[in-house]
Amino acid sequence: MQYLGLAIVIALLAVIVLLVALRLLLGGSWLMGWLRGTCGFAVLALAGLIGLIGYDISTYSALPSDRPLVTVTFQAQGSQRYEVRLEQGKEARTAMLEGDLWQLDLHVLRWKSLAELIGLESGYRLERLTGRYLAVEQQNVARHGRVVLSEKPLGVDIWQSLELGQRSMHLVDAQLLRVDYMPIADGAAYTVELAPTGLIAKPMNAAATEALKNW
């Protein structure tokens, strides 16, 4: 709920900036000519950027303190082909994945400075689920080797772009975290948790435990 409310506030800010841009561009008289037009387009671009940030933030969920980030369950649909169920709290989605191993990437936003002081909670978003065969020849012909779990506005990673290289932003620290490759097995279920050292995948049932023993 926090991230939806934050997205709405940012969207309202984008609308205000957009109105300022239109005021500059559509004014009755073009005093200072190209300078006024340049300023108007710059403000218009700022409104668009704020709008994109608002939309992006709306796709995040607050980091849970009493449950895993996500539960990943595999059900065989053929030879080395699985239906994957990903559960985040009360939400669930399914995808098809091929391979012997799985890997999960997710994005974490950690608020700092003033944003942390006013009580904003860190959030996360699932990015992609990747499958991998142990045999190279199978990997080269895989058709369901990667599942995109979140769409980036205009195909751009906003937070990486805003960091402008390696410089950190003042209000938020954006991190891409990854679960290293883990074995897939029919009926196997794993939980993914956030630890101080990064993401940890833990076996949730006997099928996952046995798969780890045989890996």
C-alpha atoms as a PDB file:
ATOM      1  CA  MET A   1       0.000   0.000   0.000  1.00  0.00           C
ATOM      2  CA  GLN A   2       2.899   2.354   0.785  1.00  0.00           C
ATOM      3  CA  TYR A   3       4.294   2.030  -2.736  1.00  0.00           C
ATOM      4  CA  LEU A   4       0.909   2.637  -4.354  1.00  0.00           C
ATOM      5  CA  GLY A   5       0.417   5.792  -2.269  1.00  0.00           C
ATOM      6  CA  LEU A   6       3.939   6.970  -3.042  1.00  0.00           C
ATOM      7  CA  ALA A   7       3.337   6.394  -6.754  1.00  0.00           C
ATOM      8  CA  ILE A   8       0.133   8.488  -6.598  1.00  0.00           C
ATOM      9  CA  VAL A   9       1.962  11.374  -4.897  1.00  0.00           C
ATOM     10  CA  ILE A  10       4.718  11.264  -7.533  1.00  0.00           C
ATOM     11  CA  ALA A  11       2.110  11.116 -10.309  1.00  0.00           C
ATOM     12  CA  LEU A  12       0.448  14.272  -8.934  1.00  0.00           C
ATOM     13  CA  LEU A  13       3.853  15.968  -8.887  1.00  0.00           C
ATOM     14  CA  ALA A  14       4.357  14.947 -12.513  1.00  0.00           C
ATOM     15  CA  VAL A  15       0.995  16.507 -13.445  1.00  0.00           C
ATOM     16  CA  ILE A  16       1.950  19.780 -11.735  1.00  0.00           C
ATOM     17  CA  VAL A  17       5.287  19.889 -13.560  1.00  0.00           C
ATOM     18  CA  LEU A  18       3.484  19.060 -16.815  1.00  0.00           C
ATOM     19  CA  LEU A  19       1.115  22.020 -16.317  1.00  0.00           C
ATOM     20  CA  VAL A  20       4.100  24.304 -15.733  1.00  0.00           C
ATOM     21  CA  ALA A  21       5.689  23.017 -18.947  1.00  0.00           C
ATOM     22  CA  LEU A  22       2.498  23.631 -20.928  1.00  0.00           C
ATOM     23  CA  ARG A  23       2.248  27.121 -19.436  1.00  0.00           C
ATOM     24  CA  LEU A  24       5.745  27.878 -20.691  1.00  0.00           C
ATOM     25  CA  LEU A  25       5.182  26.359 -24.132  1.00  0.00           C
ATOM     26  CA  LEU A  26       1.688  27.678 -24.798  1.00  0.00           C
ATOM     27  CA  GLY A  27       1.999  31.178 -23.367  1.00  0.00           C
ATOM     28  CA  GLY A  28       0.459  34.007 -25.353  1.00  0.00           C
ATOM     29  CA  SER A  29       3.744  35.729 -26.089  1.00  0.00           C
ATOM     30  CA  TRP A  30       7.090  34.135 -26.850  1.00  0.00           C
ATOM     31  CA  LEU A  31       9.368  36.523 -24.946  1.00  0.00           C
ATOM     32  CA  MET A  32      12.986  35.521 -25.117  1.00  0.00           C
ATOM     33  CA  GLY A  33      12.058  33.223 -27.997  1.00  0.00           C
ATOM     34  CA  TRP A  34      14.067  30.003 -28.134  1.00  0.00           C
ATOM     35  CA  LEU A  35      15.130  30.302 -24.468  1.00  0.00           C
ATOM     36  CA  ARG A  36      11.550  30.069 -23.259  1.00  0.00           C
ATOM     37  CA  GLY A  37      10.862  27.166 -25.604  1.00  0.00           C
ATOM     38  CA  THR A  38      13.985  25.350 -24.424  1.00  0.00           C
ATOM     39  CA  CYS A  39      12.980  25.787 -20.777  1.00  0.00           C
ATOM     40  CA  GLY A  40       9.473  24.551 -21.561  1.00  0.00           C
ATOM     41  CA  PHE A  41      10.718  21.358 -23.200  1.00  0.00           C
ATOM     42  CA  ALA A  42      13.173  20.783 -20.335  1.00  0.00           C
ATOM     43  CA  VAL A  43      10.345  21.016 -17.793  1.00  0.00           C
ATOM     44  CA  LEU A  44       8.207  18.765 -20.012  1.00  0.00           C
ATOM     45  CA  ALA A  45      10.997  16.171 -20.009  1.00  0.00           C
ATOM     46  CA  LEU A  46      11.201  16.465 -16.203  1.00  0.00           C
ATOM     47  CA  ALA A  47       7.462  15.807 -15.932  1.00  0.00           C
ATOM     48  CA  GLY A  48       7.879  12.685 -18.064  1.00  0.00           C
ATOM     49  CA  LEU A  49      10.764  11.462 -15.918  1.00  0.00           C
ATOM     50  CA  ILE A  50       8.789  11.992 -12.709  1.00  0.00           C
ATOM     51  CA  GLY A  51       5.860  10.119 -14.246  1.00  0.00           C
ATOM     52  CA  LEU A  52       8.096   7.172 -15.167  1.00  0.00           C
ATOM     53  CA  ILE A  53       9.537   7.073 -11.645  1.00  0.00           C
ATOM     54  CA  GLY A  54       6.010   7.078 -10.200  1.00  0.00           C
ATOM     55  CA  TYR A  55       4.946   4.194 -12.426  1.00  0.00           C
ATOM     56  CA  ASP A  56       8.099   2.226 -11.625  1.00  0.00           C
ATOM     57  CA  ILE A  57       7.653   2.669  -7.865  1.00  0.00           C
ATOM     58  CA  SER A  58       4.060   1.399  -8.101  1.00  0.00           C
ATOM     59  CA  THR A  59       5.420  -2.018  -9.177  1.00  0.00           C
ATOM     60  CA  TYR A  60       7.352  -2.541  -5.910  1.00  0.00           C
ATOM     61  CA  SER A  61       6.183  -4.214  -2.709  1.00  0.00           C
ATOM     62  CA  ALA A  62       7.382  -3.499   0.821  1.00  0.00           C
ATOM     63  CA  LEU A  63      10.028  -5.900   2.128  1.00  0.00           C
ATOM     64  CA  PRO A  64       8.266  -8.357   4.467  1.00  0.00           C
ATOM     65  CA  SER A  65       9.622  -8.941   7.973  1.00  0.00           C
ATOM     66  CA  ASP A  66       7.688 -12.089   8.874  1.00  0.00           C
ATOM     67  CA  ARG A  67       7.711 -14.163   5.667  1.00  0.00           C
ATOM     68  CA  PRO A  68       9.938 -14.998   2.673  1.00  0.00           C
ATOM     69  CA  LEU A  69      10.176 -12.613  -0.257  1.00  0.00           C
ATOM     70  CA  VAL A  70       8.858 -15.290  -2.598  1.00  0.00           C
ATOM     71  CA  THR A  71       8.128 -19.019  -2.707  1.00  0.00           C
ATOM     72  CA  VAL A  72       9.140 -20.867  -5.885  1.00  0.00           C
ATOM     73  CA  THR A  73       7.509 -24.232  -6.716  1.00  0.00           C
ATOM     74  CA  PHE A  74       8.177 -26.500  -9.707  1.00  0.00           C
ATOM     75  CA  GLN A  75       5.773 -28.977 -11.371  1.00  0.00           C
ATOM     76  CA  ALA A  76       7.033 -31.120 -14.241  1.00  0.00           C
ATOM     77  CA  GLN A  77       5.249 -30.671 -17.589  1.00  0.00           C
ATOM     78  CA  GLY A  78       7.588 -32.883 -19.602  1.00  0.00           C
ATOM     79  CA  SER A  79      11.256 -33.773 -19.787  1.00  0.00           C
ATOM     80  CA  GLN A  80      13.184 -30.920 -18.115  1.00  0.00           C
ATOM     81  CA  ARG A  81      10.188 -28.623 -18.640  1.00  0.00           C
ATOM     82  CA  TYR A  82       8.394 -27.146 -15.620  1.00  0.00           C
ATOM     83  CA  GLU A  83       5.521 -24.952 -14.624  1.00  0.00           C
ATOM     84  CA  VAL A  84       6.868 -22.539 -12.008  1.00  0.00           C
ATOM     85  CA  ARG A  85       4.617 -20.950  -9.416  1.00  0.00           C
ATOM     86  CA  LEU A  86       5.912 -17.810  -7.691  1.00  0.00           C
ATOM     87  CA  GLU A  87       4.041 -16.671  -4.584  1.00  0.00           C
ATOM     88  CA  GLN A  88       4.514 -13.235  -2.998  1.00  0.00           C
ATOM     89  CA  GLY A  89       2.268 -12.953   0.011  1.00  0.00           C
ATOM     90  CA  LYS A  90      -1.287 -13.250  -1.347  1.00  0.00           C
ATOM     91  CA  GLU A  91      -0.208 -12.828  -4.967  1.00  0.00           C
ATOM     92  CA  ALA A  92       0.846 -15.686  -7.246  1.00  0.00           C
ATOM     93  CA  ARG A  93       1.880 -16.066 -10.869  1.00  0.00           C
ATOM     94  CA  THR A  94       2.961 -18.982 -13.051  1.00  0.00           C
ATOM     95  CA  ALA A  95       5.475 -19.343 -15.868  1.00  0.00           C
ATOM     96  CA  MET A  96       7.062 -22.069 -18.012  1.00  0.00           C
ATOM     97  CA  LEU A  97      10.776 -22.784 -17.580  1.00  0.00           C
ATOM     98  CA  GLU A  98      13.198 -25.288 -19.081  1.00  0.00           C
ATOM     99  CA  GLY A  99      16.433 -26.621 -17.655  1.00  0.00           C
ATOM    100  CA  ASP A 100      18.125 -28.368 -14.758  1.00  0.00           C
ATOM    101  CA  LEU A 101      18.851 -25.263 -12.681  1.00  0.00           C
ATOM    102  CA  TRP A 102      17.034 -22.042 -11.825  1.00  0.00           C
ATOM    103  CA  GLN A 103      18.149 -18.522 -10.952  1.00  0.00           C
ATOM    104  CA  LEU A 104      16.120 -15.552  -9.732  1.00  0.00           C
ATOM    105  CA  ASP A 105      16.938 -11.829  -9.981  1.00  0.00           C
ATOM    106  CA  LEU A 106      15.136  -9.152  -8.022  1.00  0.00           C
ATOM    107  CA  HIS A 107      15.499  -5.418  -7.479  1.00  0.00           C
ATOM    108  CA  VAL A 108      15.620  -3.879  -3.996  1.00  0.00           C
ATOM    109  CA  LEU A 109      15.054  -0.200  -3.149  1.00  0.00           C
ATOM    110  CA  ARG A 110      16.493   0.937   0.170  1.00  0.00           C
ATOM    111  CA  TRP A 111      15.439   4.434   1.232  1.00  0.00           C
ATOM    112  CA  LYS A 112      17.946   6.618   3.075  1.00  0.00           C
ATOM    113  CA  SER A 113      18.488  10.135   4.416  1.00  0.00           C
ATOM    114  CA  LEU A 114      15.233  12.147   4.541  1.00  0.00           C
ATOM    115  CA  ALA A 115      13.210   9.361   2.894  1.00  0.00           C
ATOM    116  CA  GLU A 116      14.212   6.960   5.681  1.00  0.00           C
ATOM    117  CA  LEU A 117      13.514   9.532   8.397  1.00  0.00           C
ATOM    118  CA  ILE A 118       9.904  10.024   7.249  1.00  0.00           C
ATOM    119  CA  GLY A 119       9.340   6.273   7.510  1.00  0.00           C
ATOM    120  CA  LEU A 120       9.473   4.952   3.934  1.00  0.00           C
ATOM    121  CA  GLU A 121      10.014   1.189   3.943  1.00  0.00           C
ATOM    122  CA  SER A 122      12.434  -0.622   1.674  1.00  0.00           C
ATOM    123  CA  GLY A 123      10.797  -2.418  -1.250  1.00  0.00           C
ATOM    124  CA  TYR A 124      11.495  -5.114  -3.803  1.00  0.00           C
ATOM    125  CA  ARG A 125      10.372  -6.328  -7.224  1.00  0.00           C
ATOM    126  CA  LEU A 126      10.961  -9.627  -9.019  1.00  0.00           C
ATOM    127  CA  GLU A 127      12.923  -9.034 -12.225  1.00  0.00           C
ATOM    128  CA  ARG A 128      13.507 -12.323 -14.060  1.00  0.00           C
ATOM    129  CA  LEU A 129      13.608 -16.079 -13.626  1.00  0.00           C
ATOM    130  CA  THR A 130      16.276 -17.961 -15.578  1.00  0.00           C
ATOM    131  CA  GLY A 131      16.618 -21.651 -16.337  1.00  0.00           C
ATOM    132  CA  ARG A 132      19.810 -23.406 -17.370  1.00  0.00           C
ATOM    133  CA  TYR A 133      20.641 -26.851 -18.715  1.00  0.00           C
ATOM    134  CA  LEU A 134      23.760 -28.643 -17.522  1.00  0.00           C
ATOM    135  CA  ALA A 135      24.368 -29.806 -21.098  1.00  0.00           C
ATOM    136  CA  VAL A 136      25.627 -26.994 -23.347  1.00  0.00           C
ATOM    137  CA  GLU A 137      23.940 -28.394 -26.477  1.00  0.00           C
ATOM    138  CA  GLN A 138      20.545 -28.316 -24.738  1.00  0.00           C
ATOM    139  CA  GLN A 139      21.114 -24.796 -23.444  1.00  0.00           C
ATOM    140  CA  ASN A 140      21.800 -23.534 -26.965  1.00  0.00           C
ATOM    141  CA  VAL A 141      18.348 -24.626 -28.205  1.00  0.00           C
ATOM    142  CA  ALA A 142      16.260 -23.793 -25.106  1.00  0.00           C
ATOM    143  CA  ARG A 143      13.027 -21.934 -25.898  1.00  0.00           C
ATOM    144  CA  HIS A 144      11.882 -21.165 -22.359  1.00  0.00           C
ATOM    145  CA  GLY A 145      15.186 -20.313 -20.738  1.00  0.00           C
ATOM    146  CA  ARG A 146      14.211 -16.915 -19.325  1.00  0.00           C
ATOM    147  CA  VAL A 147      11.029 -15.395 -17.913  1.00  0.00           C
ATOM    148  CA  VAL A 148      10.737 -11.608 -17.548  1.00  0.00           C
ATOM    149  CA  LEU A 149       8.789 -10.885 -14.361  1.00  0.00           C
ATOM    150  CA  SER A 150       8.626  -7.089 -14.615  1.00  0.00           C
ATOM    151  CA  GLU A 151       8.482  -4.744 -17.577  1.00  0.00           C
ATOM    152  CA  LYS A 152      10.642  -1.625 -17.493  1.00  0.00           C
ATOM    153  CA  PRO A 153       9.019   1.610 -18.749  1.00  0.00           C
ATOM    154  CA  LEU A 154      10.309   2.238 -22.280  1.00  0.00           C
ATOM    155  CA  GLY A 155      12.744  -0.650 -21.729  1.00  0.00           C
ATOM    156  CA  VAL A 156      14.970   1.533 -19.515  1.00  0.00           C
ATOM    157  CA  ASP A 157      16.283   0.740 -16.034  1.00  0.00           C
ATOM    158  CA  ILE A 158      15.348   4.061 -14.436  1.00  0.00           C
ATOM    159  CA  TRP A 159      17.357   3.624 -11.236  1.00  0.00           C
ATOM    160  CA  GLN A 160      20.524   2.633 -13.054  1.00  0.00           C
ATOM    161  CA  SER A 161      20.130   5.634 -15.350  1.00  0.00           C
ATOM    162  CA  LEU A 162      19.601   8.018 -12.438  1.00  0.00           C
ATOM    163  CA  GLU A 163      22.762   6.806 -10.716  1.00  0.00           C
ATOM    164  CA  LEU A 164      24.690   8.352 -13.634  1.00  0.00           C
ATOM    165  CA  GLY A 165      27.482   5.821 -13.576  1.00  0.00           C
ATOM    166  CA  GLN A 166      28.617   4.664 -10.154  1.00  0.00           C
ATOM    167  CA  ARG A 167      27.481   7.671  -8.107  1.00  0.00           C
ATOM    168  CA  SER A 168      24.859   6.841  -5.478  1.00  0.00           C
ATOM    169  CA  MET A 169      21.614   8.781  -5.207  1.00  0.00           C
ATOM    170  CA  HIS A 170      20.859  10.770  -2.050  1.00  0.00           C
ATOM    171  CA  LEU A 171      17.419   9.366  -1.213  1.00  0.00           C
ATOM    172  CA  VAL A 172      17.459   5.758  -2.413  1.00  0.00           C
ATOM    173  CA  ASP A 173      19.899   2.921  -2.980  1.00  0.00           C
ATOM    174  CA  ALA A 174      18.816   0.598  -5.815  1.00  0.00           C
ATOM    175  CA  GLN A 175      20.339  -2.891  -5.865  1.00  0.00           C
ATOM    176  CA  LEU A 176      19.980  -5.863  -8.217  1.00  0.00           C
ATOM    177  CA  LEU A 177      20.258  -9.069  -6.163  1.00  0.00           C
ATOM    178  CA  ARG A 178      20.438 -12.653  -7.406  1.00  0.00           C
ATOM    179  CA  VAL A 179      19.808 -16.179  -6.193  1.00  0.00           C
ATOM    180  CA  ASP A 180      22.631 -18.317  -7.565  1.00  0.00           C
ATOM    181  CA  TYR A 181      21.696 -21.369  -9.637  1.00  0.00           C
ATOM    182  CA  MET A 182      19.779 -24.016  -7.688  1.00  0.00           C
ATOM    183  CA  PRO A 183      18.629 -27.492  -8.840  1.00  0.00           C
ATOM    184  CA  ILE A 184      15.131 -28.036 -10.257  1.00  0.00           C
ATOM    185  CA  ALA A 185      13.069 -31.134  -9.413  1.00  0.00           C
ATOM    186  CA  ASP A 186       9.436 -32.129  -9.852  1.00  0.00           C
ATOM    187  CA  GLY A 187       7.472 -30.927  -6.829  1.00  0.00           C
ATOM    188  CA  ALA A 188      10.425 -29.029  -5.360  1.00  0.00           C
ATOM    189  CA  ALA A 189       9.621 -25.832  -3.462  1.00  0.00           C
ATOM    190  CA  TYR A 190      12.049 -23.174  -2.255  1.00  0.00           C
ATOM    191  CA  THR A 191      11.704 -20.009  -0.216  1.00  0.00           C
ATOM    192  CA  VAL A 192      13.805 -16.946  -1.035  1.00  0.00           C
ATOM    193  CA  GLU A 193      14.803 -14.710   1.880  1.00  0.00           C
ATOM    194  CA  LEU A 194      16.869 -11.538   2.196  1.00  0.00           C
ATOM    195  CA  ALA A 195      19.914 -11.779   4.462  1.00  0.00           C
ATOM    196  CA  PRO A 196      22.611  -9.178   5.245  1.00  0.00           C
ATOM    197  CA  THR A 197      24.877 -10.945   2.726  1.00  0.00           C
ATOM    198  CA  GLY A 198      22.252 -11.116  -0.041  1.00  0.00           C
ATOM    199  CA  LEU A 199      19.531 -13.527  -1.147  1.00  0.00           C
ATOM    200  CA  ILE A 200      19.252 -17.041   0.270  1.00  0.00           C
ATOM    201  CA  ALA A 201      17.161 -19.867  -1.256  1.00  0.00           C
ATOM    202  CA  LYS A 202      16.113 -22.555   1.225  1.00  0.00           C
ATOM    203  CA  PRO A 203      14.486 -25.942   0.481  1.00  0.00           C
ATOM    204  CA  MET A 204      10.870 -25.969   1.616  1.00  0.00           C
ATOM    205  CA  ASN A 205      10.040 -29.661   1.171  1.00  0.00           C
ATOM    206  CA  ALA A 206      11.589 -33.109   0.752  1.00  0.00           C
ATOM    207  CA  ALA A 207      11.786 -32.864  -3.058  1.00  0.00           C
ATOM    208  CA  ALA A 208      13.908 -29.700  -2.874  1.00  0.00           C
ATOM    209  CA  THR A 209      16.098 -31.144  -0.096  1.00  0.00           C
ATOM    210  CA  GLU A 210      16.732 -34.283  -2.116  1.00  0.00           C
ATOM    211  CA  ALA A 211      17.547 -32.249  -5.235  1.00  0.00           C
ATOM    212  CA  LEU A 212      20.193 -30.309  -3.278  1.00  0.00           C
ATOM    213  CA  LYS A 213      21.709 -33.548  -1.978  1.00  0.00           C
ATOM    214  CA  ASN A 214      22.033 -34.933  -5.503  1.00  0.00           C
ATOM    215  CA  TRP A 215      23.445 -31.742  -6.988  1.00  0.00           C
END
